[in-house]
C-alpha atoms as a PDB file:
ATOM      1  CA  MET A   1     -34.564 -22.772 -44.804  1.00  0.00           C
ATOM      2  CA  LEU A   2     -35.813 -19.247 -44.044  1.00  0.00           C
ATOM      3  CA  ASN A   3     -38.447 -19.464 -46.834  1.00  0.00           C
ATOM      4  CA  SER A   4     -39.562 -22.819 -45.488  1.00  0.00           C
ATOM      5  CA  PHE A   5     -39.844 -21.334 -41.979  1.00  0.00           C
ATOM      6  CA  ILE A   6     -42.007 -18.478 -43.321  1.00  0.00           C
ATOM      7  CA  ARG A   7     -44.193 -20.837 -45.339  1.00  0.00           C
ATOM      8  CA  ASN A   8     -44.729 -23.019 -42.282  1.00  0.00           C
ATOM      9  CA  ASN A   9     -45.776 -20.039 -40.194  1.00  0.00           C
ATOM     10  CA  VAL A  10     -48.064 -18.736 -42.961  1.00  0.00           C
ATOM     11  CA  LEU A  11     -49.851 -22.068 -42.914  1.00  0.00           C
ATOM     12  CA  LEU A  12     -50.269 -21.820 -39.161  1.00  0.00           C
ATOM     13  CA  VAL A  13     -52.119 -18.524 -39.397  1.00  0.00           C
ATOM     14  CA  SER A  14     -53.710 -18.797 -42.864  1.00  0.00           C
ATOM     15  CA  LYS A  15     -57.422 -18.100 -43.155  1.00  0.00           C
ATOM     16  CA  PRO A  16     -59.803 -21.010 -42.537  1.00  0.00           C
ATOM     17  CA  PRO A  17     -63.234 -20.702 -44.171  1.00  0.00           C
ATOM     18  CA  GLY A  18     -65.363 -18.114 -42.419  1.00  0.00           C
ATOM     19  CA  HIS A  19     -62.520 -16.460 -40.481  1.00  0.00           C
ATOM     20  CA  PHE A  20     -60.825 -13.092 -40.856  1.00  0.00           C
ATOM     21  CA  LYS A  21     -57.976 -12.555 -43.294  1.00  0.00           C
ATOM     22  CA  CYS A  22     -54.527 -12.398 -41.682  1.00  0.00           C
ATOM     23  CA  SER A  23     -52.506  -9.372 -42.808  1.00  0.00           C
ATOM     24  CA  GLY A  24     -48.869  -9.518 -43.936  1.00  0.00           C
ATOM     25  CA  GLY A  25     -47.912  -7.186 -41.064  1.00  0.00           C
ATOM     26  CA  LEU A  26     -49.190  -9.653 -38.501  1.00  0.00           C
ATOM     27  CA  LEU A  27     -47.218 -12.426 -40.174  1.00  0.00           C
ATOM     28  CA  CYS A  28     -44.050 -10.348 -39.854  1.00  0.00           C
ATOM     29  CA  VAL A  29     -44.705  -9.719 -36.175  1.00  0.00           C
ATOM     30  CA  LEU A  30     -45.299 -13.416 -35.541  1.00  0.00           C
ATOM     31  CA  PHE A  31     -42.201 -14.377 -37.488  1.00  0.00           C
ATOM     32  CA  PHE A  32     -39.872 -12.054 -35.609  1.00  0.00           C
ATOM     33  CA  TYR A  33     -41.431 -13.026 -32.265  1.00  0.00           C
ATOM     34  CA  MET A  34     -40.847 -16.723 -32.916  1.00  0.00           C
ATOM     35  CA  PHE A  35     -37.366 -16.011 -34.238  1.00  0.00           C
ATOM     36  CA  ALA A  36     -36.532 -14.062 -31.064  1.00  0.00           C
ATOM     37  CA  LEU A  37     -37.771 -16.920 -28.891  1.00  0.00           C
ATOM     38  CA  SER A  38     -35.676 -19.451 -30.773  1.00  0.00           C
ATOM     39  CA  CYS A  39     -32.581 -17.238 -30.422  1.00  0.00           C
ATOM     40  CA  ARG A  40     -33.196 -16.744 -26.683  1.00  0.00           C
ATOM     41  CA  ALA A  41     -33.444 -20.480 -26.139  1.00  0.00           C
ATOM     42  CA  ALA A  42     -30.157 -21.037 -27.957  1.00  0.00           C
ATOM     43  CA  THR A  43     -28.300 -18.275 -26.126  1.00  0.00           C
ATOM     44  CA  PRO A  44     -25.874 -19.779 -23.576  1.00  0.00           C
ATOM     45  CA  VAL A  45     -26.423 -19.012 -19.919  1.00  0.00           C
ATOM     46  CA  SER A  46     -23.507 -17.112 -18.400  1.00  0.00           C
ATOM     47  CA  LEU A  47     -21.463 -18.220 -15.377  1.00  0.00           C
ATOM     48  CA  ALA A  48     -19.051 -16.033 -13.400  1.00  0.00           C
ATOM     49  CA  PHE A  49     -16.882 -16.590 -10.328  1.00  0.00           C
ATOM     50  CA  LEU A  50     -16.822 -14.345  -7.301  1.00  0.00           C
ATOM     51  CA  PRO A  51     -13.061 -13.879  -6.757  1.00  0.00           C
ATOM     52  CA  LEU A  52     -11.393 -15.209  -3.607  1.00  0.00           C
ATOM     53  CA  PRO A  53      -8.358 -13.678  -1.877  1.00  0.00           C
ATOM     54  CA  ASP A  54      -6.458 -16.963  -2.161  1.00  0.00           C
ATOM     55  CA  GLY A  55      -7.807 -17.956  -5.576  1.00  0.00           C
ATOM     56  CA  VAL A  56     -10.410 -20.446  -6.766  1.00  0.00           C
ATOM     57  CA  PRO A  57      -9.632 -23.994  -5.543  1.00  0.00           C
ATOM     58  CA  LEU A  58      -8.683 -26.501  -8.219  1.00  0.00           C
ATOM     59  CA  ILE A  59     -11.596 -28.788  -7.330  1.00  0.00           C
ATOM     60  CA  VAL A  60     -14.048 -25.933  -7.948  1.00  0.00           C
ATOM     61  CA  GLU A  61     -12.468 -25.163 -11.326  1.00  0.00           C
ATOM     62  CA  ARG A  62     -12.761 -28.825 -12.323  1.00  0.00           C
ATOM     63  CA  SER A  63     -16.348 -28.974 -11.122  1.00  0.00           C
ATOM     64  CA  ALA A  64     -17.224 -25.899 -13.174  1.00  0.00           C
ATOM     65  CA  GLU A  65     -15.635 -27.475 -16.264  1.00  0.00           C
ATOM     66  CA  LYS A  66     -17.733 -30.593 -15.703  1.00  0.00           C
ATOM     67  CA  LEU A  67     -20.865 -28.467 -15.328  1.00  0.00           C
ATOM     68  CA  LEU A  68     -20.194 -26.677 -18.623  1.00  0.00           C
ATOM     69  CA  HIS A  69     -19.577 -29.990 -20.393  1.00  0.00           C
ATOM     70  CA  GLU A  70     -22.704 -31.706 -19.071  1.00  0.00           C
ATOM     71  CA  SER A  71     -24.862 -28.641 -19.728  1.00  0.00           C
ATOM     72  CA  ALA A  72     -23.754 -28.556 -23.355  1.00  0.00           C
ATOM     73  CA  LEU A  73     -24.683 -32.232 -23.735  1.00  0.00           C
ATOM     74  CA  ALA A  74     -28.101 -31.461 -22.232  1.00  0.00           C
ATOM     75  CA  ASN A  75     -28.680 -28.672 -24.788  1.00  0.00           C
ATOM     76  CA  ALA A  76     -28.593 -26.016 -22.053  1.00  0.00           C
ATOM     77  CA  PRO A  77     -25.190 -24.455 -22.792  1.00  0.00           C
ATOM     78  CA  ILE A  78     -23.332 -22.381 -20.207  1.00  0.00           C
ATOM     79  CA  THR A  79     -20.537 -20.001 -21.099  1.00  0.00           C
ATOM     80  CA  LEU A  80     -17.887 -18.934 -18.595  1.00  0.00           C
ATOM     81  CA  LEU A  81     -17.434 -15.175 -18.411  1.00  0.00           C
ATOM     82  CA  LYS A  82     -13.933 -13.743 -18.418  1.00  0.00           C
ATOM     83  CA  ALA A  83     -15.035 -11.017 -16.015  1.00  0.00           C
ATOM     84  CA  ASP A  84     -15.530 -11.736 -12.307  1.00  0.00           C
ATOM     85  CA  PHE A  85     -18.986 -11.499 -10.792  1.00  0.00           C
ATOM     86  CA  ASN A  86     -19.626  -7.956  -9.613  1.00  0.00           C
ATOM     87  CA  LEU A  87     -21.472  -7.997  -6.297  1.00  0.00           C
ATOM     88  CA  SER A  88     -21.596  -4.212  -6.052  1.00  0.00           C
ATOM     89  CA  ALA A  89     -23.321  -3.693  -9.411  1.00  0.00           C
ATOM     90  CA  LYS A  90     -26.998  -2.730  -9.358  1.00  0.00           C
ATOM     91  CA  LYS A  91     -27.690  -5.302 -12.071  1.00  0.00           C
ATOM     92  CA  PRO A  92     -25.961  -8.721 -11.860  1.00  0.00           C
ATOM     93  CA  ASN A  93     -23.526  -9.292 -14.728  1.00  0.00           C
ATOM     94  CA  SER A  94     -24.097 -13.065 -14.925  1.00  0.00           C
ATOM     95  CA  ASP A  95     -26.968 -15.564 -14.932  1.00  0.00           C
ATOM     96  CA  LEU A  96     -25.124 -18.010 -12.657  1.00  0.00           C
ATOM     97  CA  VAL A  97     -22.495 -17.429  -9.989  1.00  0.00           C
ATOM     98  CA  MET A  98     -19.962 -19.662  -8.292  1.00  0.00           C
ATOM     99  CA  MET A  99     -19.392 -18.298  -4.799  1.00  0.00           C
ATOM    100  CA  SER A 100     -17.759 -19.645  -1.657  1.00  0.00           C
ATOM    101  CA  LEU A 101     -20.164 -20.689   1.079  1.00  0.00           C
ATOM    102  CA  HIS A 102     -18.379 -18.242   3.374  1.00  0.00           C
ATOM    103  CA  ASP A 103     -19.000 -15.283   1.040  1.00  0.00           C
ATOM    104  CA  LEU A 104     -22.661 -16.174   0.615  1.00  0.00           C
ATOM    105  CA  ALA A 105     -23.038 -16.677   4.379  1.00  0.00           C
ATOM    106  CA  GLU A 106     -21.768 -13.129   4.914  1.00  0.00           C
ATOM    107  CA  ARG A 107     -24.814 -11.956   2.925  1.00  0.00           C
ATOM    108  CA  VAL A 108     -27.348 -14.617   3.945  1.00  0.00           C
ATOM    109  CA  GLN A 109     -26.285 -15.070   7.529  1.00  0.00           C
ATOM    110  CA  ALA A 110     -28.455 -18.075   8.309  1.00  0.00           C
ATOM    111  CA  LEU A 111     -26.004 -20.086   6.188  1.00  0.00           C
ATOM    112  CA  GLN A 112     -23.384 -19.634   8.891  1.00  0.00           C
ATOM    113  CA  VAL A 113     -24.986 -22.631  10.579  1.00  0.00           C
ATOM    114  CA  LEU A 114     -23.017 -24.697   8.025  1.00  0.00           C
ATOM    115  CA  GLU A 115     -19.762 -23.120   9.237  1.00  0.00           C
ATOM    116  CA  LEU A 116     -20.084 -23.921  12.943  1.00  0.00           C
ATOM    117  CA  PRO A 117     -16.759 -25.321  14.241  1.00  0.00           C
ATOM    118  CA  PHE A 118     -16.725 -28.839  15.733  1.00  0.00           C
ATOM    119  CA  PHE A 119     -20.493 -29.100  15.134  1.00  0.00           C
ATOM    120  CA  TYR A 120     -20.608 -31.669  12.319  1.00  0.00           C
ATOM    121  CA  SER A 121     -18.842 -35.010  12.609  1.00  0.00           C
ATOM    122  CA  GLY A 122     -17.641 -34.933   9.001  1.00  0.00           C
ATOM    123  CA  LEU A 123     -18.686 -34.697   5.372  1.00  0.00           C
ATOM    124  CA  THR A 124     -21.239 -37.515   5.590  1.00  0.00           C
ATOM    125  CA  ASP A 125     -22.989 -35.733   8.442  1.00  0.00           C
ATOM    126  CA  ILE A 126     -23.129 -32.366   6.696  1.00  0.00           C
ATOM    127  CA  HIS A 127     -24.249 -33.946   3.404  1.00  0.00           C
ATOM    128  CA  GLN A 128     -27.184 -35.588   5.157  1.00  0.00           C
ATOM    129  CA  LYS A 129     -28.215 -32.219   6.611  1.00  0.00           C
ATOM    130  CA  MET A 130     -27.757 -30.343   3.308  1.00  0.00           C
ATOM    131  CA  ASP A 131     -29.810 -32.906   1.401  1.00  0.00           C
ATOM    132  CA  ALA A 132     -32.641 -32.835   3.921  1.00  0.00           C
ATOM    133  CA  GLU A 133     -34.795 -30.218   5.645  1.00  0.00           C
ATOM    134  CA  LEU A 134     -31.907 -27.968   6.701  1.00  0.00           C
ATOM    135  CA  GLY A 135     -30.813 -27.555   3.096  1.00  0.00           C
ATOM    136  CA  GLU A 136     -34.357 -26.758   1.974  1.00  0.00           C
ATOM    137  CA  GLN A 137     -34.740 -24.188   4.748  1.00  0.00           C
ATOM    138  CA  LEU A 138     -31.478 -22.489   3.783  1.00  0.00           C
ATOM    139  CA  ARG A 139     -32.484 -22.444   0.108  1.00  0.00           C
ATOM    140  CA  SER A 140     -35.767 -20.796   1.083  1.00  0.00           C
ATOM    141  CA  ILE A 141     -34.002 -18.155   3.180  1.00  0.00           C
ATOM    142  CA  ALA A 142     -31.531 -17.467   0.373  1.00  0.00           C
ATOM    143  CA  LEU A 143     -34.423 -17.063  -2.085  1.00  0.00           C
ATOM    144  CA  LYS A 144     -35.997 -14.422   0.145  1.00  0.00           C
ATOM    145  CA  ASN A 145     -32.659 -12.606  -0.010  1.00  0.00           C
ATOM    146  CA  GLY A 146     -32.543 -12.673  -3.811  1.00  0.00           C
ATOM    147  CA  TRP A 147     -30.492 -15.837  -4.472  1.00  0.00           C
ATOM    148  CA  VAL A 148     -31.521 -19.143  -6.047  1.00  0.00           C
ATOM    149  CA  ILE A 149     -29.268 -21.951  -4.780  1.00  0.00           C
ATOM    150  CA  LEU A 150     -28.855 -24.695  -7.374  1.00  0.00           C
ATOM    151  CA  GLU A 151     -26.268 -26.884  -5.647  1.00  0.00           C
ATOM    152  CA  TRP A 152     -23.752 -27.106  -2.811  1.00  0.00           C
ATOM    153  CA  TRP A 153     -20.202 -28.046  -3.849  1.00  0.00           C
ATOM    154  CA  ASP A 154     -17.612 -29.531  -1.501  1.00  0.00           C
ATOM    155  CA  GLU A 155     -14.093 -28.348  -0.939  1.00  0.00           C
ATOM    156  CA  GLY A 156     -13.532 -30.334   2.254  1.00  0.00           C
ATOM    157  CA  MET A 157     -13.237 -30.167   6.035  1.00  0.00           C
ATOM    158  CA  GLN A 158     -10.650 -27.915   7.638  1.00  0.00           C
ATOM    159  CA  ALA A 159      -7.462 -29.235   9.212  1.00  0.00           C
ATOM    160  CA  MET A 160      -4.970 -27.309  11.362  1.00  0.00           C
ATOM    161  CA  SER A 161      -1.390 -26.815  10.226  1.00  0.00           C
ATOM    162  CA  GLY A 162       1.479 -25.526  12.380  1.00  0.00           C
ATOM    163  CA  ASN A 163       4.543 -26.377  14.411  1.00  0.00           C
ATOM    164  CA  ARG A 164       2.461 -27.909  17.179  1.00  0.00           C
ATOM    165  CA  ARG A 165       0.093 -30.837  16.961  1.00  0.00           C
ATOM    166  CA  TYR A 166      -3.359 -29.295  17.127  1.00  0.00           C
ATOM    167  CA  ASP A 167      -5.266 -32.489  17.759  1.00  0.00           C
ATOM    168  CA  ARG A 168      -4.845 -31.428  21.399  1.00  0.00           C
ATOM    169  CA  ARG A 169      -6.813 -28.354  22.416  1.00  0.00           C
ATOM    170  CA  ILE A 170      -4.290 -27.161  24.970  1.00  0.00           C
ATOM    171  CA  ASN A 171      -1.657 -26.789  22.246  1.00  0.00           C
ATOM    172  CA  LEU A 172      -3.645 -23.954  20.664  1.00  0.00           C
ATOM    173  CA  SER A 173      -3.186 -21.783  23.743  1.00  0.00           C
ATOM    174  CA  GLY A 174      -1.278 -18.611  22.881  1.00  0.00           C
ATOM    175  CA  MET A 175      -0.794 -19.569  19.212  1.00  0.00           C
ATOM    176  CA  GLU A 176      -1.511 -17.253  16.285  1.00  0.00           C
ATOM    177  CA  PHE A 177      -3.574 -18.344  13.277  1.00  0.00           C
ATOM    178  CA  ILE A 178      -3.326 -16.574   9.929  1.00  0.00           C
ATOM    179  CA  LEU A 179      -6.600 -15.617   8.205  1.00  0.00           C
ATOM    180  CA  LEU A 180      -6.806 -14.823   4.493  1.00  0.00           C
ATOM    181  CA  ARG A 181     -10.370 -13.494   4.726  1.00  0.00           C
ATOM    182  CA  ASP A 182     -12.614 -11.605   7.112  1.00  0.00           C
ATOM    183  CA  ASP A 183     -14.027 -14.404   9.238  1.00  0.00           C
ATOM    184  CA  SER A 184     -15.962 -13.616  12.407  1.00  0.00           C
ATOM    185  CA  MET A 185     -16.685 -17.311  13.063  1.00  0.00           C
ATOM    186  CA  ALA A 186     -12.971 -18.143  13.080  1.00  0.00           C
ATOM    187  CA  GLN A 187     -12.233 -15.202  15.362  1.00  0.00           C
ATOM    188  CA  LYS A 188     -14.831 -16.395  17.879  1.00  0.00           C
ATOM    189  CA  GLN A 189     -13.468 -19.935  17.681  1.00  0.00           C
ATOM    190  CA  TYR A 190      -9.835 -18.989  18.312  1.00  0.00           C
ATOM    191  CA  LYS A 191     -10.732 -16.597  21.105  1.00  0.00           C
ATOM    192  CA  ALA A 192     -12.668 -19.354  22.874  1.00  0.00           C
ATOM    193  CA  LEU A 193      -9.671 -21.688  22.458  1.00  0.00           C
ATOM    194  CA  ASN A 194      -7.291 -19.086  23.928  1.00  0.00           C
ATOM    195  CA  ALA A 195      -5.561 -18.531  20.578  1.00  0.00           C
ATOM    196  CA  TRP A 196      -5.064 -15.475  18.378  1.00  0.00           C
ATOM    197  CA  SER A 197      -6.040 -14.725  14.798  1.00  0.00           C
ATOM    198  CA  ARG A 198      -4.657 -12.160  12.371  1.00  0.00           C
ATOM    199  CA  ARG A 199      -5.902 -11.099   8.927  1.00  0.00           C
ATOM    200  CA  VAL A 200      -3.154 -10.802   6.310  1.00  0.00           C
ATOM    201  CA  TYR A 201      -3.075  -9.750   2.653  1.00  0.00           C
ATOM    202  CA  PRO A 202      -0.155 -11.610   1.057  1.00  0.00           C
ATOM    203  CA  GLN A 203       0.730 -10.616  -2.502  1.00  0.00           C
ATOM    204  CA  SER A 204       2.469 -13.898  -3.264  1.00  0.00           C
ATOM    205  CA  SER A 205       2.825 -17.464  -2.027  1.00  0.00           C
ATOM    206  CA  GLN A 206       6.241 -16.575  -0.619  1.00  0.00           C
ATOM    207  CA  GLN A 207       4.750 -13.774   1.464  1.00  0.00           C
ATOM    208  CA  LEU A 208       2.157 -16.183   2.839  1.00  0.00           C
ATOM    209  CA  LEU A 209       4.864 -18.698   3.760  1.00  0.00           C
ATOM    210  CA  HIS A 210       6.774 -15.908   5.486  1.00  0.00           C
ATOM    211  CA  GLU A 211       3.683 -15.130   7.597  1.00  0.00           C
ATOM    212  CA  CYS A 212       3.294 -18.818   8.426  1.00  0.00           C
ATOM    213  CA  VAL A 213       6.847 -19.306   9.687  1.00  0.00           C
ATOM    214  CA  VAL A 214       5.465 -18.380  13.101  1.00  0.00           C
ATOM    215  CA  GLY A 215       1.745 -18.352  12.301  1.00  0.00           C
ATOM    216  CA  SER A 216      -0.516 -21.395  11.961  1.00  0.00           C
ATOM    217  CA  ARG A 217      -3.284 -22.078   9.430  1.00  0.00           C
ATOM    218  CA  SER A 218      -6.697 -23.689   9.410  1.00  0.00           C
ATOM    219  CA  ALA A 219      -7.756 -24.805   5.927  1.00  0.00           C
ATOM    220  CA  THR A 220      -8.702 -27.837   3.869  1.00  0.00           C
ATOM    221  CA  VAL A 221      -5.928 -30.362   3.270  1.00  0.00           C
ATOM    222  CA  ALA A 222      -5.844 -29.412  -0.419  1.00  0.00           C
ATOM    223  CA  ARG A 223      -5.339 -25.758   0.550  1.00  0.00           C
ATOM    224  CA  VAL A 224      -2.527 -26.681   2.922  1.00  0.00           C
ATOM    225  CA  TRP A 225      -0.823 -28.519   0.068  1.00  0.00           C
ATOM    226  CA  SER A 226      -1.435 -25.787  -2.530  1.00  0.00           C
ATOM    227  CA  GLU A 227       0.036 -23.223  -0.126  1.00  0.00           C
ATOM    228  CA  ARG A 228       2.981 -25.587   0.460  1.00  0.00           C
ATOM    229  CA  LEU A 229       2.758 -25.130   4.200  1.00  0.00           C
ATOM    230  CA  ASP A 230       4.795 -28.324   4.569  1.00  0.00           C
ATOM    231  CA  ARG A 231       7.822 -26.101   3.909  1.00  0.00           C
ATOM    232  CA  VAL A 232       7.307 -24.146   7.142  1.00  0.00           C
ATOM    233  CA  HIS A 233       5.096 -26.374   9.319  1.00  0.00           C
ATOM    234  CA  LEU A 234       5.857 -29.674  11.009  1.00  0.00           C
ATOM    235  CA  SER A 235       2.371 -30.946  11.821  1.00  0.00           C
ATOM    236  CA  LEU A 236      -1.023 -31.408  10.222  1.00  0.00           C
ATOM    237  CA  SER A 237      -3.951 -32.198  12.512  1.00  0.00           C
ATOM    238  CA  LEU A 238      -7.011 -33.662  10.802  1.00  0.00           C
ATOM    239  CA  ASN A 239      -9.514 -32.085  13.166  1.00  0.00           C
ATOM    240  CA  LYS A 240     -12.246 -31.895  10.481  1.00  0.00           C
ATOM    241  CA  HIS A 241     -13.738 -29.125  12.537  1.00  0.00           C
ATOM    242  CA  ARG A 242     -15.296 -26.833   9.932  1.00  0.00           C
ATOM    243  CA  TYR A 243     -16.875 -27.284   6.517  1.00  0.00           C
ATOM    244  CA  GLU A 244     -15.502 -25.473   3.470  1.00  0.00           C
ATOM    245  CA  GLY A 245     -17.780 -25.420   0.472  1.00  0.00           C
ATOM    246  CA  HIS A 246     -18.953 -23.438  -2.518  1.00  0.00           C
ATOM    247  CA  VAL A 247     -22.382 -22.652  -3.888  1.00  0.00           C
ATOM    248  CA  LEU A 248     -23.682 -22.682  -7.448  1.00  0.00           C
ATOM    249  CA  LEU A 249     -26.456 -20.104  -7.481  1.00  0.00           C
ATOM    250  CA  ALA A 250     -28.260 -17.494  -9.535  1.00  0.00           C
ATOM    251  CA  PRO A 251     -29.290 -13.910  -8.796  1.00  0.00           C
ATOM    252  CA  LEU A 252     -33.086 -14.065  -8.593  1.00  0.00           C
ATOM    253  CA  SER A 253     -33.509 -11.152 -11.017  1.00  0.00           C
ATOM    254  CA  ARG A 254     -31.566 -13.023 -13.716  1.00  0.00           C
ATOM    255  CA  TRP A 255     -33.091 -16.410 -12.918  1.00  0.00           C
ATOM    256  CA  GLN A 256     -36.662 -15.175 -13.356  1.00  0.00           C
ATOM    257  CA  VAL A 257     -36.107 -14.100 -16.971  1.00  0.00           C
ATOM    258  CA  LEU A 258     -34.630 -17.420 -18.087  1.00  0.00           C
ATOM    259  CA  PRO A 259     -37.063 -19.697 -19.955  1.00  0.00           C
ATOM    260  CA  GLU A 260     -38.750 -22.270 -17.745  1.00  0.00           C
ATOM    261  CA  THR A 261     -37.281 -25.117 -19.784  1.00  0.00           C
ATOM    262  CA  MET A 262     -33.794 -23.694 -19.259  1.00  0.00           C
ATOM    263  CA  ARG A 263     -34.300 -23.325 -15.503  1.00  0.00           C
ATOM    264  CA  THR A 264     -35.552 -26.897 -15.249  1.00  0.00           C
ATOM    265  CA  GLN A 265     -32.617 -28.273 -17.225  1.00  0.00           C
ATOM    266  CA  LEU A 266     -30.050 -26.276 -15.228  1.00  0.00           C
ATOM    267  CA  LYS A 267     -31.457 -27.616 -11.956  1.00  0.00           C
ATOM    268  CA  LYS A 268     -31.468 -31.161 -13.321  1.00  0.00           C
ATOM    269  CA  THR A 269     -27.888 -30.943 -14.587  1.00  0.00           C
ATOM    270  CA  ALA A 270     -26.574 -29.379 -11.374  1.00  0.00           C
ATOM    271  CA  GLN A 271     -28.221 -32.040  -9.217  1.00  0.00           C
ATOM    272  CA  SER A 272     -26.952 -34.846 -11.457  1.00  0.00           C
ATOM    273  CA  LEU A 273     -23.362 -33.804 -10.670  1.00  0.00           C
ATOM    274  CA  ARG A 274     -23.794 -33.987  -6.891  1.00  0.00           C
ATOM    275  CA  GLY A 275     -22.354 -37.458  -6.346  1.00  0.00           C
ATOM    276  CA  TRP A 276     -19.558 -36.930  -8.855  1.00  0.00           C
ATOM    277  CA  GLN A 277     -18.531 -33.600  -7.336  1.00  0.00           C
ATOM    278  CA  ARG A 278     -18.438 -34.931  -3.789  1.00  0.00           C
ATOM    279  CA  ASN A 279     -16.383 -37.952  -4.822  1.00  0.00           C
ATOM    280  CA  GLU A 280     -13.944 -35.786  -6.781  1.00  0.00           C
ATOM    281  CA  ALA A 281     -13.506 -33.399  -3.861  1.00  0.00           C
ATOM    282  CA  LEU A 282     -12.778 -36.322  -1.547  1.00  0.00           C
ATOM    283  CA  LYS A 283     -10.222 -37.766  -3.987  1.00  0.00           C
ATOM    284  CA  HIS A 284      -8.603 -34.348  -4.260  1.00  0.00           C
ATOM    285  CA  GLU A 285      -8.260 -34.110  -0.474  1.00  0.00           C
ATOM    286  CA  GLN A 286      -6.872 -37.645  -0.210  1.00  0.00           C
ATOM    287  CA  ALA A 287      -4.277 -36.968  -2.910  1.00  0.00           C
ATOM    288  CA  ALA A 288      -3.199 -33.772  -1.134  1.00  0.00           C
ATOM    289  CA  LEU A 289      -2.915 -35.635   2.171  1.00  0.00           C
ATOM    290  CA  GLU A 290      -0.707 -38.274   0.579  1.00  0.00           C
ATOM    291  CA  SER A 291       1.532 -35.547  -0.851  1.00  0.00           C
ATOM    292  CA  LEU A 292       1.858 -33.891   2.558  1.00  0.00           C
ATOM    293  CA  ARG A 293       2.734 -37.205   4.195  1.00  0.00           C
ATOM    294  CA  LYS A 294       5.424 -37.826   1.582  1.00  0.00           C
ATOM    295  CA  SER A 295       6.825 -34.351   2.168  1.00  0.00           C
ATOM    296  CA  GLY A 296       7.514 -35.295   5.784  1.00  0.00           C
ATOM    297  CA  MET A 297       4.664 -33.650   7.695  1.00  0.00           C
ATOM    298  CA  ASP A 298       3.482 -35.422  10.835  1.00  0.00           C
ATOM    299  CA  VAL A 299      -0.244 -36.143  10.507  1.00  0.00           C
ATOM    300  CA  TYR A 300      -2.521 -36.538  13.530  1.00  0.00           C
ATOM    301  CA  GLU A 301      -6.127 -37.652  13.878  1.00  0.00           C
ATOM    302  CA  LEU A 302      -8.489 -36.118  16.435  1.00  0.00           C
ATOM    303  CA  SER A 303      -9.664 -38.575  19.089  1.00  0.00           C
ATOM    304  CA  PRO A 304     -13.294 -38.520  20.336  1.00  0.00           C
ATOM    305  CA  GLU A 305     -12.064 -37.424  23.775  1.00  0.00           C
ATOM    306  CA  GLU A 306     -10.119 -34.481  22.370  1.00  0.00           C
ATOM    307  CA  ARG A 307     -13.048 -33.510  20.168  1.00  0.00           C
ATOM    308  CA  ARG A 308     -15.274 -33.298  23.231  1.00  0.00           C
ATOM    309  CA  ASP A 309     -12.614 -31.139  24.885  1.00  0.00           C
ATOM    310  CA  PHE A 310     -12.718 -28.715  21.948  1.00  0.00           C
ATOM    311  CA  VAL A 311     -16.528 -28.570  22.000  1.00  0.00           C
ATOM    312  CA  GLN A 312     -16.648 -27.952  25.742  1.00  0.00           C
ATOM    313  CA  SER A 313     -14.261 -25.020  25.337  1.00  0.00           C
ATOM    314  CA  LEU A 314     -16.510 -23.271  22.816  1.00  0.00           C
ATOM    315  CA  PRO A 315     -19.443 -21.022  23.733  1.00  0.00           C
ATOM    316  CA  PRO A 316     -22.992 -22.311  23.116  1.00  0.00           C
ATOM    317  CA  TRP A 317     -23.723 -22.772  19.419  1.00  0.00           C
ATOM    318  CA  ARG A 318     -26.320 -19.993  19.380  1.00  0.00           C
ATOM    319  CA  GLU A 319     -23.643 -17.525  20.507  1.00  0.00           C
ATOM    320  CA  LEU A 320     -21.442 -18.461  17.556  1.00  0.00           C
ATOM    321  CA  LEU A 321     -24.249 -17.640  15.128  1.00  0.00           C
ATOM    322  CA  PRO A 322     -24.552 -13.968  14.061  1.00  0.00           C
ATOM    323  CA  ALA A 323     -26.398 -11.541  16.322  1.00  0.00           C
ATOM    324  CA  SER A 324     -28.576 -10.484  13.385  1.00  0.00           C
ATOM    325  CA  LEU A 325     -30.513 -13.752  13.745  1.00  0.00           C
ATOM    326  CA  SER A 326     -33.282 -13.897  16.332  1.00  0.00           C
ATOM    327  CA  LEU A 327     -33.289 -16.503  19.095  1.00  0.00           C
ATOM    328  CA  GLU A 328     -36.164 -18.254  17.323  1.00  0.00           C
ATOM    329  CA  GLU A 329     -34.268 -18.338  14.029  1.00  0.00           C
ATOM    330  CA  LYS A 330     -31.161 -19.703  15.725  1.00  0.00           C
ATOM    331  CA  ALA A 331     -33.159 -22.369  17.554  1.00  0.00           C
ATOM    332  CA  SER A 332     -34.848 -23.468  14.320  1.00  0.00           C
ATOM    333  CA  LEU A 333     -31.566 -23.709  12.407  1.00  0.00           C
ATOM    334  CA  LEU A 334     -29.794 -25.605  15.179  1.00  0.00           C
ATOM    335  CA  SER A 335     -32.713 -28.006  15.510  1.00  0.00           C
ATOM    336  CA  LEU A 336     -32.622 -28.808  11.792  1.00  0.00           C
ATOM    337  CA  ALA A 337     -28.836 -29.105  11.888  1.00  0.00           C
ATOM    338  CA  GLY A 338     -29.146 -31.740  14.587  1.00  0.00           C
ATOM    339  CA  ASP A 339     -28.032 -30.004  17.780  1.00  0.00           C
END
């Protein structure tokens, strides 16, 4: 096969009548150049996860597995790195990264518009905004900050879990909510609702349950189930007040050196999974909700009247967005988000 490859390349550069004679050294250079290109095209793209304090959600793991499978079928293989993505390294250690929306929004703060509490009516609403001009604007801002966003992945909408029913705003007064991450948006939200928040660093699920004996939680339904908060909490309120998602993206410095054909195929594959991923995330949430109901938790829906009460208790949306954004930037984002 190698001899055939060389013969084919000799024919490509062999001397036509009246042209210069091609040297053997040039043939060697051309051969190794073409061989290097063929190897680069066949080299799998790497994918790494940015670690989360409470672990990678199951739906994100399944979505990543689906991405790897579909990419292999499309002849654009992706390999999952054993090492976590290193944000502090001068040079990124992976071509692609799976990162929570919250973590990316800490670095590209315009994305915090997707985390506004009680702003979006539900997943359908936020999907429409992500798939339209707001999503394009956020992708553009992320690109200027060195990140290429390939796709948004759902986890779900947050619910509130505790020993009070939190579909009523007044029941949050004086209550403490446990945070597993640094979250300025949540702190602003609870302060406005006359509640408290506390950051904890549990080393095990039992330690987290111990914290939640008196503390409440705000998380997706699947998270509530995976943390087994039904063992210490009586009520689950489906307030659907804040979006939890994840982002498939690439460091710009790594993305630029990938072959154009590879970049095109990665974008195509990622986009082709959008409907599947959203449906799977919804099924995952519904299954978790059914499990929590069976465990004996009381489940409450948020009425339109109570939702308005929550919204009226919050400061103006622009004040919930980070101070690093100008008034013009905030106004533009809120306009695109549909305020």
